[in-house]
Every structure is written in structure tokens, then in C-alpha cells.
Protein backbone atom coordinates (compact mmCIF):
# COMPACT_ATOMS: atom_id res chain seq x y z
CA MET A 1 -12.17 23.44 12.04
CA ARG A 2 -11.12 23.37 8.33
CA SER A 3 -9.40 20.45 6.15
CA GLU A 4 -6.36 20.24 4.46
CA ASN A 5 -4.06 17.74 2.93
CA VAL A 6 -0.48 16.15 4.95
CA GLU A 7 1.97 14.41 4.12
CA ILE A 8 2.10 11.09 5.82
CA LEU A 9 5.52 10.04 6.13
CA SER A 10 4.36 6.58 8.33
CA ASP A 11 0.92 5.73 10.12
CA LYS A 12 2.33 3.12 12.57
CA THR A 13 0.13 2.38 15.30
CA ASN A 14 0.74 5.61 18.21
CA ALA A 15 3.46 6.66 16.17
CA ALA A 16 2.35 8.62 12.96
CA ILE A 17 4.97 10.66 11.45
CA MET A 18 3.06 13.66 9.21
CA ARG A 19 4.00 16.89 7.59
CA HIS A 20 0.86 19.77 7.93
CA PRO A 21 0.73 22.08 4.74
CA ASP A 22 1.98 24.88 6.81
CA ARG A 23 5.17 23.69 8.49
CA ALA A 24 8.59 23.13 7.27
CA PHE A 25 9.68 19.95 9.06
CA PRO A 26 7.33 16.90 10.08
CA GLY A 27 5.66 16.34 13.44
CA VAL A 28 4.48 12.70 15.77
CA LEU A 29 1.40 12.58 16.12
CA VAL A 30 0.48 11.68 19.75
CA GLN A 31 -3.30 9.94 20.19
CA GLY A 32 -4.86 11.53 23.23
CA ASP A 33 -5.03 8.72 25.52
CA ASN A 34 -1.24 8.05 25.40
CA LEU A 35 -1.00 11.50 26.15
CA TYR A 36 -3.16 11.47 28.92
CA ALA A 37 -0.69 8.69 30.21
CA MET A 38 2.14 10.02 29.36
CA CYS A 39 1.22 13.33 31.90
CA TRP A 40 0.18 10.90 34.96
CA LYS A 41 3.59 9.20 34.82
CA ALA A 42 5.42 12.29 34.31
CA ASP A 43 3.31 13.45 37.44
CA LEU A 44 4.19 10.08 38.78
CA ILE A 45 7.97 10.37 38.39
CA CYS A 46 7.99 14.01 39.55
CA ASN A 47 6.63 12.73 42.90
CA GLU A 48 9.23 9.87 43.78
CA VAL A 49 11.88 12.54 42.59
CA GLY A 50 10.80 15.36 44.76
CA ARG A 51 11.03 18.93 45.07
CA ALA A 52 14.40 19.33 46.19
CA ALA A 53 16.44 16.88 44.15
CA PRO A 54 18.56 18.07 41.50
CA GLY A 55 16.92 18.43 38.11
CA TYR A 56 13.64 19.01 39.46
CA LYS A 57 13.05 22.35 37.92
CA LYS A 58 13.68 21.05 34.63
CA LEU A 59 11.54 18.13 35.03
CA ASN A 60 8.57 19.54 36.50
CA GLU A 61 8.79 22.44 33.26
CA LEU A 62 8.67 19.27 30.80
CA ARG A 63 5.71 17.83 32.93
CA ASN A 64 3.90 21.09 32.71
CA THR A 65 4.64 21.15 28.61
CA LEU A 66 2.31 18.04 28.63
CA TRP A 67 -0.18 19.29 30.87
CA ALA A 68 -0.43 22.25 28.40
CA TYR A 69 -0.45 19.80 25.62
CA LEU A 70 -3.26 17.46 26.77
CA ASN A 71 -5.17 20.74 28.19
CA HIS A 72 -5.80 21.96 24.52
CA TYR A 73 -6.20 18.78 23.33
CA LYS A 74 -9.46 18.70 25.45
CA VAL A 75 -10.36 22.32 25.26
CA THR A 76 -10.64 21.51 21.36
CA LEU A 77 -12.30 18.22 21.20
CA ILE A 78 -15.03 19.31 23.61
CA GLU A 79 -15.52 22.82 21.22
CA HIS A 80 -15.72 20.29 18.54
CA GLY A 81 -18.31 17.69 20.29
CA HIS A 82 -15.75 14.71 20.55
CA LYS A 83 -16.04 12.76 23.14
CA LEU A 84 -12.05 12.40 25.13
CA PRO A 85 -10.70 9.01 24.64
CA PHE A 86 -10.16 8.73 27.85
CA ASP A 87 -12.02 9.49 31.49
CA ASP A 88 -11.04 12.82 32.36
CA ALA A 89 -13.03 12.52 35.90
CA GLN A 90 -10.91 9.71 36.90
CA SER A 91 -8.66 10.16 39.35
CA ALA A 92 -4.66 9.35 39.60
CA ASP A 93 -5.14 6.65 42.05
CA ALA A 94 -5.68 4.91 38.89
CA PHE A 95 -2.38 5.21 38.11
CA THR A 96 -1.14 4.97 41.05
CA PRO A 97 -2.46 4.85 44.45
CA GLU A 98 0.95 7.15 45.82
CA ILE A 99 0.29 10.16 43.12
CA ARG A 100 0.34 13.68 44.75
CA PRO A 101 0.01 16.58 41.82
CA CYS A 102 3.40 18.35 41.35
CA ASP A 103 2.99 22.29 40.28
CA ASN A 104 0.68 24.01 39.19
CA HIS A 105 -0.27 21.83 35.43
CA ARG A 106 -3.81 21.93 35.77
């Protein structure tokens, strides 16, 4: 872990805009609990759309990217001794009783 100064262009709750010193362009800071919810919502949408639907492959790629970000977030927090801001043991049923995992995100 290291400490660096970042440029904070906006510190709006759940939508902070900041520029990392090694990056040319600013990015959006997404809180871990919001990312977790986005991942489960993406699972829901994939499930509702179905694998045979047009555009499913691209939707699933987007969903897998979100899960990859979340998995990196979880590993990083655990490595540094931080608690997760969500219950990772919580099942998808907490979001909807109809969720079924789609393709290979975990």
C-alpha cells in the first residue's frame, strides 16, 4: 500500500471524480457496496434476458467485467485487513428469489 495525492474534481456521494497521479484522465470512484449491488443486478438482467437472446454475449461480458472488478476489490481489502462493506456470504436470494448465476463470473 502507498499514499499519494489525488486530484478530487468532485466528491459527490457515490460519484466522486478523481484523477490518480499516474493517469491522464480522471475516473469515477465506485463504492464497494454499490459495485456489489451492480454485479448482482447484472446477474439478474442476464438471467431475465436469457442466453439465446440477441446481445446476451455482450451483456455477459459486461457482467463478467463488473465481477472481475469486485473480485479484485475483495482480494485487495482482505489483503490489507479491511472488512468488506457487504455480506459476501449473502446469497443472490437476498436480491431476488429468481436469480440464477449466468456464465463464469466467480
